């Protein structure tokens, strides 16, 4: 059975990396076996981890998307009766898969290897205490927040620095105009300060 990773995370096939990360955080914390006592929580948690690791990695997602589009385009061409037969067959496959070891699902060998490793990692996370796992996941979030904030510092620092230099050059090349160079002299040091602050943040981090 071809796994629909987008459906596992409740996403569309055009979801952004940020949406993928947010969905993983939500469902992984919800279905961690140490917290969720439903009979299928363990398998669901591993499935969520597998979906996240494949979709969040750009190379893995590109390979997956190729097979995903082919599989579902082919499925759309089936008649309603064939779809019903396929669904019935899928239910039997699901029952059998629970009793067997991991088996190859994709045509791409690399994708099969990555999916297998993702399952193994999910199994390791499932054995972690929920408190430890949640701290690890929230750590990912804090790291992402730091990177975003610091990137904005760098961006505005560059804009102000370039704008300051531009205003100074334009002002000096325009006779009688002092507004531009004065404005440029204000923007330039502010931009440099933001740039230096972001650099120090990276060093400390």
N, C-alpha and C. Protein backbone atom coordinates (compact mmCIF):
# COMPACT_ATOMS: atom_id res chain seq x y z
N UNK A 1 0.84 -1.20 0.00
CA UNK A 1 0.00 0.00 0.00
C UNK A 1 0.88 1.25 0.00
N UNK A 2 0.59 2.18 -0.91
CA UNK A 2 1.37 3.42 -0.98
C UNK A 2 0.97 4.35 0.15
N UNK A 3 1.92 4.79 0.98
CA UNK A 3 1.59 5.65 2.13
C UNK A 3 1.34 7.09 1.71
N UNK A 4 0.24 7.66 2.18
CA UNK A 4 -0.07 9.07 1.89
C UNK A 4 0.42 9.91 3.06
N UNK A 5 1.66 10.35 2.98
CA UNK A 5 2.27 11.11 4.08
C UNK A 5 1.55 12.44 4.31
N UNK A 6 1.06 13.04 3.25
CA UNK A 6 0.36 14.32 3.41
C UNK A 6 -0.92 14.12 4.23
N UNK A 7 -1.61 13.04 3.96
CA UNK A 7 -2.84 12.74 4.70
C UNK A 7 -2.52 12.44 6.16
N UNK A 8 -1.42 11.76 6.41
CA UNK A 8 -1.01 11.43 7.78
C UNK A 8 -0.86 12.70 8.62
N UNK A 9 -0.30 13.75 7.99
CA UNK A 9 -0.07 15.01 8.71
C UNK A 9 -1.20 16.01 8.49
N UNK A 10 -2.26 15.60 7.79
CA UNK A 10 -3.40 16.48 7.57
C UNK A 10 -3.07 17.67 6.71
N UNK A 11 -2.22 17.48 5.70
CA UNK A 11 -1.74 18.58 4.86
C UNK A 11 -2.07 18.35 3.39
N UNK A 12 -1.97 19.41 2.61
CA UNK A 12 -2.10 19.29 1.16
C UNK A 12 -0.71 19.02 0.59
N UNK A 13 -0.66 18.62 -0.67
CA UNK A 13 0.63 18.27 -1.29
C UNK A 13 1.48 19.50 -1.59
N UNK A 14 0.96 20.71 -1.35
CA UNK A 14 1.74 21.93 -1.57
C UNK A 14 2.10 22.60 -0.24
N UNK A 15 2.03 21.84 0.83
CA UNK A 15 2.33 22.39 2.16
C UNK A 15 3.77 22.89 2.23
N UNK A 16 3.98 23.97 2.97
CA UNK A 16 5.31 24.52 3.17
C UNK A 16 6.04 23.73 4.26
N UNK A 17 7.35 23.95 4.35
CA UNK A 17 8.15 23.26 5.38
C UNK A 17 7.68 23.66 6.77
N UNK A 18 7.30 24.93 6.92
CA UNK A 18 6.83 25.38 8.22
C UNK A 18 5.52 24.69 8.60
N UNK A 19 4.63 24.51 7.62
CA UNK A 19 3.37 23.81 7.88
C UNK A 19 3.62 22.34 8.23
N UNK A 20 4.60 21.74 7.57
CA UNK A 20 4.95 20.35 7.85
C UNK A 20 5.48 20.21 9.28
N UNK A 21 6.34 21.13 9.64
CA UNK A 21 6.91 21.09 11.00
C UNK A 21 5.83 21.31 12.06
N UNK A 22 4.93 22.25 11.80
CA UNK A 22 3.86 22.55 12.75
C UNK A 22 2.93 21.35 12.92
N UNK A 23 2.59 20.69 11.80
CA UNK A 23 1.70 19.52 11.86
C UNK A 23 2.38 18.38 12.60
N UNK A 24 3.67 18.18 12.35
CA UNK A 24 4.41 17.11 13.04
C UNK A 24 4.42 17.35 14.55
N UNK A 25 4.70 18.58 14.92
CA UNK A 25 4.75 18.91 16.35
C UNK A 25 3.41 18.62 17.01
N UNK A 26 2.33 19.01 16.35
CA UNK A 26 0.99 18.81 16.91
C UNK A 26 0.66 17.33 17.08
N UNK A 27 0.82 16.55 15.99
CA UNK A 27 0.40 15.15 16.03
C UNK A 27 1.37 14.26 16.81
N UNK A 28 2.66 14.57 16.75
CA UNK A 28 3.62 13.75 17.49
C UNK A 28 3.40 13.87 18.99
N UNK A 29 3.12 15.08 19.46
CA UNK A 29 2.85 15.27 20.88
C UNK A 29 1.51 14.64 21.28
N UNK A 30 0.57 14.64 20.35
CA UNK A 30 -0.75 14.07 20.64
C UNK A 30 -0.73 12.54 20.70
N UNK A 31 0.07 11.91 19.81
CA UNK A 31 0.03 10.46 19.70
C UNK A 31 1.22 9.74 20.33
N UNK A 32 2.07 10.46 21.04
CA UNK A 32 3.19 9.77 21.69
C UNK A 32 2.63 8.71 22.64
N UNK A 33 3.11 7.47 22.52
CA UNK A 33 2.54 6.35 23.30
C UNK A 33 2.58 6.54 24.81
N UNK A 34 3.52 7.34 25.27
CA UNK A 34 3.62 7.57 26.71
C UNK A 34 2.48 8.45 27.22
N UNK A 35 1.83 9.17 26.28
CA UNK A 35 0.72 10.05 26.64
C UNK A 35 -0.61 9.51 26.13
N UNK A 36 -0.62 9.03 24.91
CA UNK A 36 -1.85 8.53 24.29
C UNK A 36 -1.96 7.02 24.50
N UNK A 37 -2.99 6.60 25.17
CA UNK A 37 -3.14 5.18 25.53
C UNK A 37 -4.04 4.40 24.58
N UNK A 38 -4.38 4.98 23.43
CA UNK A 38 -5.20 4.25 22.47
C UNK A 38 -4.39 3.10 21.86
N UNK A 39 -5.02 2.00 21.47
CA UNK A 39 -4.31 0.81 20.98
C UNK A 39 -3.42 1.06 19.77
N UNK A 40 -3.81 2.02 18.92
CA UNK A 40 -3.05 2.26 17.70
C UNK A 40 -2.10 3.45 17.80
N UNK A 41 -1.92 3.99 19.01
CA UNK A 41 -1.09 5.18 19.19
C UNK A 41 0.36 4.93 18.78
N UNK A 42 0.89 3.77 19.13
CA UNK A 42 2.29 3.46 18.83
C UNK A 42 2.54 3.46 17.32
N UNK A 43 1.71 2.74 16.57
CA UNK A 43 1.86 2.68 15.12
C UNK A 43 1.62 4.04 14.48
N UNK A 44 0.63 4.76 14.99
CA UNK A 44 0.31 6.09 14.46
C UNK A 44 1.47 7.04 14.68
N UNK A 45 2.09 6.98 15.85
CA UNK A 45 3.21 7.85 16.17
C UNK A 45 4.38 7.59 15.22
N UNK A 46 4.69 6.34 14.97
CA UNK A 46 5.78 5.98 14.06
C UNK A 46 5.47 6.47 12.65
N UNK A 47 4.23 6.33 12.24
CA UNK A 47 3.79 6.78 10.92
C UNK A 47 3.94 8.30 10.78
N UNK A 48 3.62 9.03 11.84
CA UNK A 48 3.74 10.49 11.84
C UNK A 48 5.21 10.88 11.70
N UNK A 49 6.08 10.19 12.42
CA UNK A 49 7.51 10.49 12.35
C UNK A 49 8.06 10.20 10.96
N UNK A 50 7.62 9.09 10.38
CA UNK A 50 8.06 8.72 9.03
C UNK A 50 7.62 9.78 8.02
N UNK A 51 6.37 10.21 8.11
CA UNK A 51 5.85 11.22 7.18
C UNK A 51 6.63 12.52 7.31
N UNK A 52 6.91 12.93 8.53
CA UNK A 52 7.62 14.19 8.75
C UNK A 52 9.04 14.15 8.17
N UNK A 53 9.77 13.09 8.47
CA UNK A 53 11.16 13.02 8.03
C UNK A 53 11.28 12.97 6.51
N UNK A 54 10.33 12.32 5.84
CA UNK A 54 10.39 12.26 4.38
C UNK A 54 9.97 13.60 3.76
N UNK A 55 8.92 14.18 4.26
CA UNK A 55 8.41 15.42 3.66
C UNK A 55 9.26 16.64 4.00
N UNK A 56 9.91 16.64 5.16
CA UNK A 56 10.68 17.82 5.55
C UNK A 56 12.02 17.89 4.82
N UNK A 57 12.56 16.73 4.45
CA UNK A 57 13.82 16.70 3.70
C UNK A 57 13.52 16.96 2.22
N UNK A 58 14.18 17.95 1.64
CA UNK A 58 13.85 18.38 0.28
C UNK A 58 14.10 17.28 -0.76
N UNK A 59 15.22 16.59 -0.64
CA UNK A 59 15.53 15.54 -1.62
C UNK A 59 14.56 14.37 -1.49
N UNK A 60 14.29 13.96 -0.25
CA UNK A 60 13.37 12.85 -0.02
C UNK A 60 11.96 13.21 -0.49
N UNK A 61 11.56 14.45 -0.23
CA UNK A 61 10.21 14.88 -0.64
C UNK A 61 10.09 14.91 -2.16
N UNK A 62 11.13 15.35 -2.83
CA UNK A 62 11.10 15.38 -4.29
C UNK A 62 10.91 13.97 -4.87
N UNK A 63 11.63 13.02 -4.31
CA UNK A 63 11.50 11.62 -4.77
C UNK A 63 10.10 11.08 -4.44
N UNK A 64 9.64 11.40 -3.23
CA UNK A 64 8.33 10.93 -2.81
C UNK A 64 7.22 11.52 -3.68
N UNK A 65 7.32 12.82 -3.96
CA UNK A 65 6.29 13.50 -4.74
C UNK A 65 6.14 12.90 -6.14
N UNK A 66 7.26 12.48 -6.73
CA UNK A 66 7.19 11.87 -8.06
C UNK A 66 6.34 10.60 -8.02
N UNK A 67 6.58 9.76 -7.02
CA UNK A 67 5.82 8.52 -6.92
C UNK A 67 4.39 8.78 -6.43
N UNK A 68 4.25 9.79 -5.59
CA UNK A 68 2.92 10.17 -5.08
C UNK A 68 2.01 10.59 -6.23
N UNK A 69 2.51 11.46 -7.11
CA UNK A 69 1.70 11.94 -8.23
C UNK A 69 1.37 10.81 -9.20
N UNK A 70 2.34 9.95 -9.44
CA UNK A 70 2.10 8.83 -10.35
C UNK A 70 1.05 7.88 -9.78
N UNK A 71 1.19 7.58 -8.50
CA UNK A 71 0.28 6.62 -7.86
C UNK A 71 -1.16 7.12 -7.86
N UNK A 72 -1.36 8.37 -7.44
CA UNK A 72 -2.72 8.87 -7.32
C UNK A 72 -3.32 9.27 -8.66
N UNK A 73 -2.47 9.61 -9.63
CA UNK A 73 -2.99 9.86 -10.99
C UNK A 73 -3.50 8.56 -11.58
N UNK A 74 -2.76 7.48 -11.32
CA UNK A 74 -3.17 6.17 -11.82
C UNK A 74 -4.43 5.71 -11.11
N UNK A 75 -4.52 5.99 -9.82
CA UNK A 75 -5.69 5.57 -9.05
C UNK A 75 -6.95 6.30 -9.52
N UNK A 76 -6.79 7.57 -9.92
CA UNK A 76 -7.94 8.34 -10.38
C UNK A 76 -8.54 7.79 -11.66
N UNK A 77 -7.77 7.02 -12.40
CA UNK A 77 -8.24 6.48 -13.66
C UNK A 77 -9.06 5.20 -13.48
N UNK A 78 -9.04 4.67 -12.28
CA UNK A 78 -9.80 3.44 -12.02
C UNK A 78 -11.29 3.73 -11.97
N UNK A 79 -12.08 2.73 -12.22
CA UNK A 79 -13.53 2.86 -12.07
C UNK A 79 -13.89 2.73 -10.61
N UNK A 80 -15.14 3.09 -10.29
CA UNK A 80 -15.58 3.03 -8.90
C UNK A 80 -15.53 1.60 -8.35
N UNK A 81 -15.86 0.65 -9.18
CA UNK A 81 -15.83 -0.74 -8.72
C UNK A 81 -14.42 -1.19 -8.40
N UNK A 82 -13.46 -0.77 -9.24
CA UNK A 82 -12.07 -1.14 -9.00
C UNK A 82 -11.55 -0.47 -7.74
N UNK A 83 -12.02 0.74 -7.48
CA UNK A 83 -11.60 1.44 -6.27
C UNK A 83 -12.08 0.68 -5.03
N UNK A 84 -13.32 0.18 -5.10
CA UNK A 84 -13.85 -0.57 -3.97
C UNK A 84 -13.06 -1.85 -3.75
N UNK A 85 -12.67 -2.51 -4.85
CA UNK A 85 -11.86 -3.72 -4.72
C UNK A 85 -10.49 -3.38 -4.13
N UNK A 86 -9.93 -2.25 -4.56
CA UNK A 86 -8.63 -1.82 -4.06
C UNK A 86 -8.69 -1.52 -2.57
N UNK A 87 -9.78 -0.86 -2.14
CA UNK A 87 -9.93 -0.53 -0.73
C UNK A 87 -10.07 -1.79 0.12
N UNK A 88 -10.81 -2.77 -0.41
CA UNK A 88 -10.98 -4.04 0.29
C UNK A 88 -9.65 -4.75 0.42
N UNK A 89 -8.88 -4.72 -0.67
CA UNK A 89 -7.56 -5.35 -0.66
C UNK A 89 -6.64 -4.65 0.32
N UNK A 90 -6.76 -3.31 0.37
CA UNK A 90 -5.92 -2.52 1.26
C UNK A 90 -6.18 -2.88 2.72
N UNK A 91 -7.44 -3.10 3.07
CA UNK A 91 -7.76 -3.48 4.45
C UNK A 91 -7.09 -4.79 4.83
N UNK A 92 -7.07 -5.75 3.86
CA UNK A 92 -6.42 -7.03 4.14
C UNK A 92 -4.91 -6.85 4.26
N UNK A 93 -4.36 -5.95 3.42
CA UNK A 93 -2.91 -5.69 3.46
C UNK A 93 -2.54 -5.08 4.80
N UNK A 94 -3.36 -4.14 5.28
CA UNK A 94 -3.07 -3.49 6.56
C UNK A 94 -3.00 -4.52 7.68
N UNK A 95 -3.93 -5.45 7.67
CA UNK A 95 -3.96 -6.49 8.71
C UNK A 95 -2.71 -7.34 8.65
N UNK A 96 -2.29 -7.67 7.42
CA UNK A 96 -1.10 -8.51 7.26
C UNK A 96 0.18 -7.77 7.61
N UNK A 97 0.22 -6.46 7.28
CA UNK A 97 1.44 -5.69 7.52
C UNK A 97 1.76 -5.60 9.00
N UNK A 98 0.75 -5.60 9.85
CA UNK A 98 0.99 -5.50 11.29
C UNK A 98 1.72 -6.73 11.81
N UNK A 99 1.64 -7.82 11.06
CA UNK A 99 2.24 -9.06 11.52
C UNK A 99 3.60 -9.32 10.88
N UNK A 100 4.02 -8.43 9.97
CA UNK A 100 5.27 -8.66 9.25
C UNK A 100 6.25 -7.52 9.49
N UNK A 101 7.48 -7.76 9.09
CA UNK A 101 8.52 -6.75 9.19
C UNK A 101 8.32 -5.71 8.09
N UNK A 102 9.09 -4.62 8.19
CA UNK A 102 9.00 -3.58 7.17
C UNK A 102 9.33 -4.15 5.79
N UNK A 103 8.53 -3.77 4.80
CA UNK A 103 8.81 -4.21 3.45
C UNK A 103 8.85 -3.01 2.52
N UNK A 104 9.55 -3.14 1.41
CA UNK A 104 9.74 -2.02 0.50
C UNK A 104 8.41 -1.58 -0.10
N UNK A 105 8.23 -0.27 -0.13
CA UNK A 105 6.98 0.31 -0.61
C UNK A 105 7.17 1.08 -1.91
N UNK A 106 8.33 1.72 -2.04
CA UNK A 106 8.55 2.63 -3.16
C UNK A 106 9.41 1.98 -4.25
N UNK A 107 9.37 2.58 -5.42
CA UNK A 107 10.23 2.11 -6.52
C UNK A 107 11.66 2.58 -6.33
N UNK A 108 11.81 3.75 -5.72
CA UNK A 108 13.13 4.33 -5.50
C UNK A 108 13.79 3.68 -4.28
N UNK A 109 14.96 3.10 -4.47
CA UNK A 109 15.63 2.38 -3.38
C UNK A 109 16.06 3.32 -2.25
N UNK A 110 16.51 4.53 -2.61
CA UNK A 110 16.90 5.49 -1.58
C UNK A 110 15.71 5.85 -0.70
N UNK A 111 14.57 6.05 -1.34
CA UNK A 111 13.37 6.41 -0.60
C UNK A 111 12.95 5.29 0.35
N UNK A 112 13.11 4.06 -0.10
CA UNK A 112 12.83 2.92 0.77
C UNK A 112 13.74 2.91 1.99
N UNK A 113 15.03 3.19 1.76
CA UNK A 113 16.00 3.21 2.87
C UNK A 113 15.66 4.32 3.87
N UNK A 114 15.34 5.49 3.34
CA UNK A 114 15.02 6.63 4.21
C UNK A 114 13.75 6.35 5.01
N UNK A 115 12.75 5.75 4.36
CA UNK A 115 11.50 5.44 5.05
C UNK A 115 11.74 4.43 6.17
N UNK A 116 12.61 3.46 5.90
CA UNK A 116 12.93 2.45 6.92
C UNK A 116 13.64 3.09 8.11
N UNK A 117 14.59 3.98 7.83
CA UNK A 117 15.30 4.67 8.90
C UNK A 117 14.34 5.56 9.69
N UNK A 118 13.40 6.18 8.99
CA UNK A 118 12.42 7.04 9.66
C UNK A 118 11.54 6.23 10.60
N UNK A 119 11.17 5.03 10.17
CA UNK A 119 10.38 4.13 11.03
C UNK A 119 11.18 3.76 12.28
N UNK A 120 12.45 3.44 12.08
CA UNK A 120 13.30 3.06 13.22
C UNK A 120 13.46 4.21 14.19
N UNK A 121 13.63 5.43 13.65
CA UNK A 121 13.75 6.59 14.52
C UNK A 121 12.46 6.84 15.28
N UNK A 122 11.34 6.65 14.59
CA UNK A 122 10.05 6.80 15.25
C UNK A 122 9.88 5.81 16.40
N UNK A 123 10.36 4.60 16.18
CA UNK A 123 10.29 3.58 17.24
C UNK A 123 11.14 3.98 18.44
N UNK A 124 12.30 4.59 18.18
CA UNK A 124 13.17 5.06 19.27
C UNK A 124 12.48 6.18 20.05
N UNK A 125 11.88 7.13 19.33
CA UNK A 125 11.18 8.23 19.99
C UNK A 125 9.98 7.73 20.79
N UNK A 126 9.34 6.66 20.29
CA UNK A 126 8.18 6.10 20.99
C UNK A 126 8.59 5.52 22.34
N UNK A 127 9.84 5.08 22.44
CA UNK A 127 10.33 4.51 23.71
C UNK A 127 10.76 5.58 24.70
N UNK A 128 10.91 6.81 24.22
CA UNK A 128 11.30 7.91 25.10
C UNK A 128 10.15 8.29 26.02
N UNK A 129 10.48 8.77 27.20
CA UNK A 129 9.46 9.32 28.08
C UNK A 129 8.86 10.55 27.41
N UNK A 130 7.58 10.77 27.59
CA UNK A 130 6.91 11.89 26.92
C UNK A 130 7.56 13.22 27.29
N UNK A 131 7.95 13.37 28.54
CA UNK A 131 8.57 14.62 28.98
C UNK A 131 9.85 14.90 28.21
N UNK A 132 10.67 13.87 28.02
CA UNK A 132 11.93 14.05 27.27
C UNK A 132 11.65 14.34 25.80
N UNK A 133 10.68 13.63 25.25
CA UNK A 133 10.36 13.84 23.84
C UNK A 133 9.81 15.24 23.61
N UNK A 134 8.91 15.69 24.47
CA UNK A 134 8.31 17.02 24.30
C UNK A 134 9.37 18.11 24.42
N UNK A 135 10.33 17.93 25.31
CA UNK A 135 11.42 18.91 25.45
C UNK A 135 12.24 18.96 24.16
N UNK A 136 12.48 17.80 23.57
CA UNK A 136 13.24 17.75 22.33
C UNK A 136 12.50 18.47 21.20
N UNK A 137 11.19 18.21 21.08
CA UNK A 137 10.39 18.84 20.04
C UNK A 137 10.31 20.34 20.24
N UNK A 138 10.09 20.77 21.48
CA UNK A 138 10.02 22.20 21.76
C UNK A 138 11.37 22.87 21.55
N UNK A 139 12.45 22.09 21.72
CA UNK A 139 13.78 22.62 21.42
C UNK A 139 13.92 22.94 19.95
N UNK A 140 13.35 22.09 19.09
CA UNK A 140 13.36 22.36 17.65
C UNK A 140 12.65 23.68 17.36
N UNK A 141 11.55 23.93 18.07
CA UNK A 141 10.77 25.14 17.84
C UNK A 141 11.56 26.38 18.24
N UNK A 142 12.22 26.29 19.39
CA UNK A 142 13.01 27.43 19.85
C UNK A 142 14.14 27.73 18.89
N UNK A 143 14.77 26.68 18.36
CA UNK A 143 15.86 26.87 17.41
C UNK A 143 15.35 27.55 16.15
N UNK A 144 14.19 27.15 15.69
CA UNK A 144 13.60 27.76 14.50
C UNK A 144 13.28 29.23 14.74
N UNK A 145 12.74 29.53 15.93
CA UNK A 145 12.41 30.90 16.28
C UNK A 145 13.65 31.78 16.32
N UNK A 146 14.75 31.23 16.87
CA UNK A 146 16.00 31.99 16.92
C UNK A 146 16.50 32.30 15.52
N UNK A 147 16.50 31.29 14.66
CA UNK A 147 16.99 31.48 13.30
C UNK A 147 16.17 32.51 12.55
N UNK A 148 14.85 32.46 12.72
CA UNK A 148 13.98 33.42 12.03
C UNK A 148 14.24 34.84 12.51
N UNK A 149 14.31 35.01 13.84
CA UNK A 149 14.54 36.34 14.40
C UNK A 149 15.87 36.91 13.98
N UNK A 150 16.91 36.08 14.01
CA UNK A 150 18.23 36.57 13.65
C UNK A 150 18.32 36.89 12.15
N UNK A 151 17.63 36.10 11.35
CA UNK A 151 17.61 36.36 9.91
C UNK A 151 16.97 37.71 9.62
N UNK A 152 15.92 38.06 10.38
CA UNK A 152 15.28 39.37 10.20
C UNK A 152 16.24 40.50 10.58
N UNK A 153 17.04 40.28 11.63
CA UNK A 153 18.04 41.26 12.02
C UNK A 153 19.02 41.50 10.87
N UNK A 154 19.49 40.41 10.28
CA UNK A 154 20.44 40.51 9.17
C UNK A 154 19.80 41.23 7.99
N UNK A 155 18.56 40.89 7.68
CA UNK A 155 17.86 41.47 6.54
C UNK A 155 17.72 42.98 6.70
N UNK A 156 17.19 43.41 7.85
CA UNK A 156 16.99 44.84 8.07
C UNK A 156 18.33 45.59 8.17
N UNK A 157 19.33 44.91 8.73
CA UNK A 157 20.66 45.52 8.79
C UNK A 157 21.20 45.80 7.41
N UNK A 158 21.06 44.83 6.50
CA UNK A 158 21.52 45.02 5.12
C UNK A 158 20.74 46.12 4.40
N UNK A 159 19.41 46.12 4.59
CA UNK A 159 18.58 47.13 3.94
C UNK A 159 18.97 48.53 4.38
N UNK A 160 19.13 48.71 5.69
CA UNK A 160 19.48 50.02 6.22
C UNK A 160 20.88 50.45 5.79
N UNK A 161 21.82 49.50 5.79
CA UNK A 161 23.19 49.82 5.39
C UNK A 161 23.25 50.23 3.92
N UNK A 162 22.61 49.44 3.06
CA UNK A 162 22.60 49.75 1.63
C UNK A 162 21.84 51.05 1.35
N UNK A 163 20.71 51.22 2.06
CA UNK A 163 19.92 52.45 1.88
C UNK A 163 20.70 53.67 2.33
N UNK A 164 21.43 53.52 3.44
CA UNK A 164 22.23 54.64 3.94
C UNK A 164 23.31 55.03 2.95
N UNK A 165 24.02 54.03 2.43
CA UNK A 165 25.08 54.31 1.44
C UNK A 165 24.48 54.95 0.18
N UNK A 166 23.34 54.45 -0.24
CA UNK A 166 22.70 54.98 -1.44
C UNK A 166 22.28 56.43 -1.27
N UNK A 167 21.73 56.75 -0.12
CA UNK A 167 21.30 58.13 0.14
C UNK A 167 22.47 59.09 0.21
N UNK A 168 23.57 58.62 0.77
CA UNK A 168 24.76 59.47 0.85
C UNK A 168 25.29 59.76 -0.55
N UNK A 169 25.39 58.74 -1.38
CA UNK A 169 25.90 58.91 -2.75
C UNK A 169 24.98 59.83 -3.56
N UNK A 170 23.67 59.59 -3.46
CA UNK A 170 22.71 60.42 -4.21
C UNK A 170 22.76 61.87 -3.73
N UNK A 171 22.84 62.04 -2.40
CA UNK A 171 22.87 63.39 -1.85
C UNK A 171 24.10 64.15 -2.26
N UNK A 172 25.26 63.50 -2.26
CA UNK A 172 26.50 64.18 -2.62
C UNK A 172 26.57 64.50 -4.11
N UNK A 173 25.87 63.69 -4.91
CA UNK A 173 25.90 63.93 -6.35
C UNK A 173 24.83 64.92 -6.80
N UNK A 174 23.99 65.36 -5.85
CA UNK A 174 22.93 66.32 -6.16
C UNK A 174 23.26 67.63 -5.47
N UNK A 175 23.55 68.65 -6.22
CA UNK A 175 23.96 69.94 -5.64
C UNK A 175 22.80 70.59 -4.89
N UNK A 176 23.10 71.06 -3.74
CA UNK A 176 22.11 71.79 -2.96
C UNK A 176 21.18 70.93 -2.13
N UNK A 177 21.24 69.63 -2.25
CA UNK A 177 20.36 68.74 -1.49
C UNK A 177 21.13 68.14 -0.30
N UNK A 178 20.70 68.44 0.91
CA UNK A 178 21.40 67.90 2.08
C UNK A 178 20.55 66.85 2.81
N UNK A 179 19.28 66.75 2.42
CA UNK A 179 18.39 65.81 3.10
C UNK A 179 18.84 64.37 2.93
N UNK A 180 19.20 63.99 1.71
CA UNK A 180 19.60 62.60 1.44
C UNK A 180 20.84 62.17 2.20
N UNK A 181 21.93 62.92 2.16
CA UNK A 181 23.12 62.48 2.91
C UNK A 181 22.90 62.44 4.42
N UNK A 182 22.10 63.37 4.94
CA UNK A 182 21.82 63.36 6.38
C UNK A 182 21.03 62.11 6.75
N UNK A 183 20.01 61.81 5.93
CA UNK A 183 19.21 60.61 6.15
C UNK A 183 20.08 59.36 6.03
N UNK A 184 20.99 59.38 5.05
CA UNK A 184 21.89 58.26 4.85
C UNK A 184 22.82 58.05 6.03
N UNK A 185 23.30 59.17 6.61
CA UNK A 185 24.20 59.09 7.76
C UNK A 185 23.49 58.54 9.01
N UNK A 186 22.17 58.68 9.04
CA UNK A 186 21.39 58.12 10.15
C UNK A 186 21.16 56.62 9.93
N UNK A 187 20.82 56.25 8.68
CA UNK A 187 20.52 54.86 8.36
C UNK A 187 21.75 53.96 8.45
N UNK A 188 22.88 54.47 7.98
CA UNK A 188 24.09 53.65 7.89
C UNK A 188 24.54 53.07 9.23
N UNK A 189 24.72 53.88 10.28
CA UNK A 189 25.15 53.28 11.55
C UNK A 189 24.13 52.34 12.17
N UNK A 190 22.83 52.64 11.97
CA UNK A 190 21.80 51.75 12.50
C UNK A 190 21.89 50.39 11.82
N UNK A 191 22.08 50.41 10.50
CA UNK A 191 22.22 49.15 9.76
C UNK A 191 23.44 48.37 10.20
N UNK A 192 24.54 49.06 10.42
CA UNK A 192 25.77 48.39 10.87
C UNK A 192 25.58 47.79 12.26
N UNK A 193 24.90 48.52 13.15
CA UNK A 193 24.64 48.02 14.50
C UNK A 193 23.79 46.75 14.47
N UNK A 194 22.74 46.73 13.62
CA UNK A 194 21.90 45.54 13.50
C UNK A 194 22.71 44.36 12.97
N UNK A 195 23.56 44.62 12.00
CA UNK A 195 24.40 43.57 11.42
C UNK A 195 25.34 42.98 12.47
N UNK A 196 25.99 43.86 13.23
CA UNK A 196 26.91 43.39 14.26
C UNK A 196 26.18 42.64 15.37
N UNK A 197 24.99 43.10 15.73
CA UNK A 197 24.21 42.43 16.77
C UNK A 197 23.82 41.02 16.33
N UNK A 198 23.43 40.86 15.07
CA UNK A 198 23.06 39.54 14.57
C UNK A 198 24.27 38.61 14.54
N UNK A 199 25.43 39.15 14.19
CA UNK A 199 26.66 38.34 14.16
C UNK A 199 27.02 37.85 15.56
N UNK A 200 26.88 38.73 16.56
CA UNK A 200 27.18 38.34 17.93
C UNK A 200 26.19 37.28 18.43
N UNK A 201 24.92 37.40 17.99
CA UNK A 201 23.92 36.40 18.39
C UNK A 201 24.29 35.02 17.89
N UNK A 202 24.77 34.95 16.63
CA UNK A 202 25.18 33.66 16.07
C UNK A 202 26.35 33.07 16.84
N UNK A 203 27.32 33.94 17.20
CA UNK A 203 28.50 33.48 17.94
C UNK A 203 28.12 32.93 19.31
N UNK A 204 27.23 33.65 19.99
CA UNK A 204 26.80 33.21 21.32
C UNK A 204 25.98 31.93 21.23
N UNK A 205 25.16 31.83 20.17
CA UNK A 205 24.30 30.66 20.01
C UNK A 205 25.12 29.40 19.75
